[in-house]
Amino acid sequence: MDVIMDMKSTSVASLTNVRLFEWRGTVRDLIKLGMAVTFLRLHLHLRHIAMEWFIWTQIVFLKNQISKWKAELAFMLLRKYSR
């Protein structure tokens, strides 16, 4: 039950691979026990949350990449104009 409550209250920003796999494992366990979990998936919007998490991680990655490129460009320009 704790995992189900965690699904409901977790924000996308705090979602991790570990949590996603834990949630998936819980849903699989419920299916094995014969519970109809379609209502659970729809209610908790697991796919929507997973997609938002994926998009959020990509945005973070791209922001970091852009920062890295800006630093590299600044260094190259500094070298070029300091000669």
N, C-alpha and C. Protein backbone atom coordinates (compact mmCIF):
# COMPACT_ATOMS: atom_id res chain seq x y z
N MET A 1 0.82 -1.19 0.00
CA MET A 1 0.00 0.00 0.00
C MET A 1 0.87 1.26 0.00
N ASP A 2 2.03 1.19 0.65
CA ASP A 2 2.92 2.35 0.69
C ASP A 2 3.35 2.77 -0.70
N VAL A 3 3.63 1.77 -1.55
CA VAL A 3 4.07 2.07 -2.92
C VAL A 3 2.95 2.77 -3.68
N ILE A 4 1.73 2.31 -3.49
CA ILE A 4 0.59 2.93 -4.19
C ILE A 4 0.42 4.38 -3.75
N MET A 5 0.55 4.63 -2.46
CA MET A 5 0.46 6.01 -1.98
C MET A 5 1.63 6.83 -2.50
N ASP A 6 2.79 6.21 -2.60
CA ASP A 6 3.96 6.89 -3.15
C ASP A 6 3.72 7.30 -4.59
N MET A 7 3.07 6.42 -5.36
CA MET A 7 2.76 6.72 -6.76
C MET A 7 1.91 7.98 -6.86
N LYS A 8 0.96 8.07 -5.96
CA LYS A 8 0.02 9.19 -6.02
C LYS A 8 0.66 10.51 -5.63
N SER A 9 1.62 10.47 -4.70
CA SER A 9 2.15 11.72 -4.16
C SER A 9 3.51 12.12 -4.71
N THR A 10 4.11 11.33 -5.57
CA THR A 10 5.44 11.63 -6.07
C THR A 10 5.39 12.64 -7.21
N SER A 11 6.20 13.67 -7.10
CA SER A 11 6.29 14.65 -8.20
C SER A 11 7.28 14.13 -9.24
N VAL A 12 7.15 14.62 -10.43
CA VAL A 12 8.03 14.19 -11.53
C VAL A 12 9.48 14.51 -11.21
N ALA A 13 9.73 15.64 -10.58
CA ALA A 13 11.10 16.06 -10.28
C ALA A 13 11.80 15.10 -9.34
N SER A 14 11.05 14.40 -8.50
CA SER A 14 11.69 13.49 -7.55
C SER A 14 11.61 12.03 -7.98
N LEU A 15 11.15 11.78 -9.19
CA LEU A 15 11.02 10.41 -9.70
C LEU A 15 12.38 9.88 -10.12
N THR A 16 12.66 8.65 -9.76
CA THR A 16 13.94 8.02 -10.09
C THR A 16 13.69 6.69 -10.77
N ASN A 17 14.74 6.15 -11.38
CA ASN A 17 14.64 4.81 -11.98
C ASN A 17 14.22 3.79 -10.93
N VAL A 18 14.79 3.89 -9.75
CA VAL A 18 14.48 2.94 -8.67
C VAL A 18 12.99 2.95 -8.37
N ARG A 19 12.43 4.16 -8.23
CA ARG A 19 10.99 4.26 -7.95
C ARG A 19 10.15 3.69 -9.07
N LEU A 20 10.49 4.02 -10.31
CA LEU A 20 9.72 3.50 -11.44
C LEU A 20 9.71 1.98 -11.44
N PHE A 21 10.88 1.37 -11.24
CA PHE A 21 10.95 -0.09 -11.23
C PHE A 21 10.23 -0.68 -10.03
N GLU A 22 10.28 0.01 -8.90
CA GLU A 22 9.54 -0.45 -7.72
C GLU A 22 8.05 -0.43 -8.00
N TRP A 23 7.58 0.65 -8.60
CA TRP A 23 6.17 0.75 -8.94
C TRP A 23 5.76 -0.34 -9.91
N ARG A 24 6.60 -0.53 -10.94
CA ARG A 24 6.30 -1.55 -11.93
C ARG A 24 6.22 -2.92 -11.27
N GLY A 25 7.16 -3.18 -10.36
CA GLY A 25 7.16 -4.45 -9.65
C GLY A 25 5.91 -4.65 -8.82
N THR A 26 5.46 -3.59 -8.17
CA THR A 26 4.24 -3.68 -7.36
C THR A 26 3.03 -3.98 -8.23
N VAL A 27 2.92 -3.29 -9.37
CA VAL A 27 1.80 -3.53 -10.28
C VAL A 27 1.86 -4.96 -10.80
N ARG A 28 3.04 -5.47 -11.14
CA ARG A 28 3.16 -6.86 -11.59
C ARG A 28 2.74 -7.84 -10.50
N ASP A 29 3.13 -7.55 -9.26
CA ASP A 29 2.72 -8.42 -8.15
C ASP A 29 1.21 -8.45 -8.00
N LEU A 30 0.58 -7.29 -8.13
CA LEU A 30 -0.88 -7.23 -8.04
C LEU A 30 -1.54 -8.02 -9.16
N ILE A 31 -0.97 -7.94 -10.35
CA ILE A 31 -1.50 -8.70 -11.48
C ILE A 31 -1.37 -10.20 -11.21
N LYS A 32 -0.21 -10.63 -10.69
CA LYS A 32 0.00 -12.05 -10.36
C LYS A 32 -1.01 -12.54 -9.32
N LEU A 33 -1.40 -11.66 -8.42
CA LEU A 33 -2.38 -12.02 -7.39
C LEU A 33 -3.81 -12.04 -7.94
N GLY A 34 -3.96 -11.65 -9.21
CA GLY A 34 -5.26 -11.69 -9.85
C GLY A 34 -6.07 -10.42 -9.73
N MET A 35 -5.45 -9.36 -9.26
CA MET A 35 -6.19 -8.11 -9.14
C MET A 35 -6.26 -7.40 -10.49
N ALA A 36 -7.39 -6.80 -10.74
CA ALA A 36 -7.54 -5.99 -11.95
C ALA A 36 -6.90 -4.64 -11.64
N VAL A 37 -5.81 -4.35 -12.30
CA VAL A 37 -5.08 -3.12 -11.98
C VAL A 37 -5.26 -2.06 -13.06
N THR A 38 -6.11 -2.32 -14.02
CA THR A 38 -6.35 -1.31 -15.05
C THR A 38 -6.82 -0.02 -14.41
N PHE A 39 -7.73 -0.13 -13.45
CA PHE A 39 -8.22 1.07 -12.77
C PHE A 39 -7.07 1.80 -12.08
N LEU A 40 -6.13 1.03 -11.52
CA LEU A 40 -5.00 1.63 -10.82
C LEU A 40 -4.11 2.39 -11.80
N ARG A 41 -3.82 1.76 -12.92
CA ARG A 41 -2.98 2.43 -13.92
C ARG A 41 -3.65 3.69 -14.44
N LEU A 42 -4.92 3.61 -14.70
CA LEU A 42 -5.63 4.79 -15.20
C LEU A 42 -5.69 5.87 -14.13
N HIS A 43 -6.00 5.47 -12.93
CA HIS A 43 -6.14 6.43 -11.84
C HIS A 43 -4.82 7.15 -11.55
N LEU A 44 -3.75 6.41 -11.55
CA LEU A 44 -2.46 6.99 -11.18
C LEU A 44 -1.68 7.54 -12.37
N HIS A 45 -2.18 7.31 -13.56
CA HIS A 45 -1.55 7.84 -14.77
C HIS A 45 -0.08 7.45 -14.87
N LEU A 46 0.19 6.17 -14.69
CA LEU A 46 1.58 5.72 -14.69
C LEU A 46 2.30 6.08 -15.98
N ARG A 47 1.63 5.88 -17.08
CA ARG A 47 2.29 6.21 -18.35
C ARG A 47 2.57 7.69 -18.46
N HIS A 48 1.62 8.48 -18.02
CA HIS A 48 1.79 9.93 -18.07
C HIS A 48 2.95 10.36 -17.16
N ILE A 49 3.00 9.81 -15.98
CA ILE A 49 4.08 10.14 -15.05
C ILE A 49 5.42 9.70 -15.63
N ALA A 50 5.46 8.50 -16.18
CA ALA A 50 6.71 7.99 -16.75
C ALA A 50 7.16 8.86 -17.92
N MET A 51 6.22 9.30 -18.75
CA MET A 51 6.57 10.14 -19.88
C MET A 51 7.07 11.50 -19.41
N GLU A 52 6.40 12.07 -18.42
CA GLU A 52 6.86 13.35 -17.88
C GLU A 52 8.25 13.21 -17.29
N TRP A 53 8.49 12.10 -16.60
CA TRP A 53 9.81 11.86 -16.00
C TRP A 53 10.87 11.77 -17.09
N PHE A 54 10.56 11.02 -18.16
CA PHE A 54 11.51 10.89 -19.26
C PHE A 54 11.81 12.25 -19.88
N ILE A 55 10.80 13.02 -20.14
CA ILE A 55 10.98 14.36 -20.74
C ILE A 55 11.79 15.24 -19.79
N TRP A 56 11.47 15.20 -18.52
CA TRP A 56 12.19 16.01 -17.53
C TRP A 56 13.67 15.64 -17.50
N THR A 57 13.98 14.33 -17.52
CA THR A 57 15.39 13.92 -17.50
C THR A 57 16.10 14.37 -18.77
N GLN A 58 15.41 14.35 -19.89
CA GLN A 58 16.01 14.81 -21.14
C GLN A 58 16.28 16.31 -21.09
N ILE A 59 15.37 17.06 -20.53
CA ILE A 59 15.57 18.51 -20.41
C ILE A 59 16.77 18.81 -19.53
N VAL A 60 16.88 18.11 -18.41
CA VAL A 60 18.03 18.30 -17.52
C VAL A 60 19.32 17.96 -18.25
N PHE A 61 19.32 16.85 -18.97
CA PHE A 61 20.51 16.45 -19.73
C PHE A 61 20.88 17.53 -20.75
N LEU A 62 19.89 18.01 -21.49
CA LEU A 62 20.17 19.01 -22.52
C LEU A 62 20.65 20.33 -21.93
N LYS A 63 20.08 20.74 -20.81
CA LYS A 63 20.54 21.96 -20.14
C LYS A 63 22.00 21.81 -19.72
N ASN A 64 22.34 20.66 -19.18
CA ASN A 64 23.74 20.42 -18.80
C ASN A 64 24.66 20.42 -20.01
N GLN A 65 24.21 19.83 -21.09
CA GLN A 65 25.01 19.78 -22.32
C GLN A 65 25.22 21.19 -22.86
N ILE A 66 24.18 22.00 -22.87
CA ILE A 66 24.28 23.39 -23.35
C ILE A 66 25.26 24.17 -22.48
N SER A 67 25.19 23.98 -21.17
CA SER A 67 26.13 24.67 -20.27
C SER A 67 27.56 24.26 -20.57
N LYS A 68 27.75 23.00 -20.81
CA LYS A 68 29.09 22.49 -21.15
C LYS A 68 29.59 23.12 -22.45
N TRP A 69 28.73 23.17 -23.46
CA TRP A 69 29.12 23.75 -24.74
C TRP A 69 29.41 25.24 -24.60
N LYS A 70 28.62 25.95 -23.80
CA LYS A 70 28.88 27.37 -23.59
C LYS A 70 30.25 27.59 -22.96
N ALA A 71 30.58 26.75 -21.98
CA ALA A 71 31.89 26.87 -21.32
C ALA A 71 33.01 26.57 -22.32
N GLU A 72 32.83 25.55 -23.13
CA GLU A 72 33.84 25.22 -24.14
C GLU A 72 34.00 26.35 -25.15
N LEU A 73 32.88 26.93 -25.58
CA LEU A 73 32.93 28.03 -26.54
C LEU A 73 33.64 29.24 -25.93
N ALA A 74 33.31 29.56 -24.69
CA ALA A 74 33.96 30.69 -24.02
C ALA A 74 35.46 30.47 -23.93
N PHE A 75 35.87 29.25 -23.62
CA PHE A 75 37.29 28.92 -23.54
C PHE A 75 37.97 29.06 -24.90
N MET A 76 37.31 28.57 -25.95
CA MET A 76 37.89 28.66 -27.29
C MET A 76 38.00 30.11 -27.75
N LEU A 77 36.97 30.92 -27.45
CA LEU A 77 37.02 32.34 -27.83
C LEU A 77 38.11 33.07 -27.05
N LEU A 78 38.27 32.75 -25.79
CA LEU A 78 39.31 33.35 -24.98
C LEU A 78 40.68 33.02 -25.54
N ARG A 79 40.89 31.78 -25.91
CA ARG A 79 42.17 31.37 -26.50
C ARG A 79 42.42 32.08 -27.84
N LYS A 80 41.35 32.19 -28.65
CA LYS A 80 41.49 32.81 -29.97
C LYS A 80 41.85 34.27 -29.86
N TYR A 81 41.19 35.01 -28.98
CA TYR A 81 41.41 36.45 -28.89
C TYR A 81 42.52 36.85 -27.95
N SER A 82 43.10 35.91 -27.22
CA SER A 82 44.18 36.26 -26.32
C SER A 82 45.55 36.06 -26.96
N ARG A 83 45.58 35.68 -28.18
CA ARG A 83 46.86 35.46 -28.88
C ARG A 83 47.46 36.73 -29.37
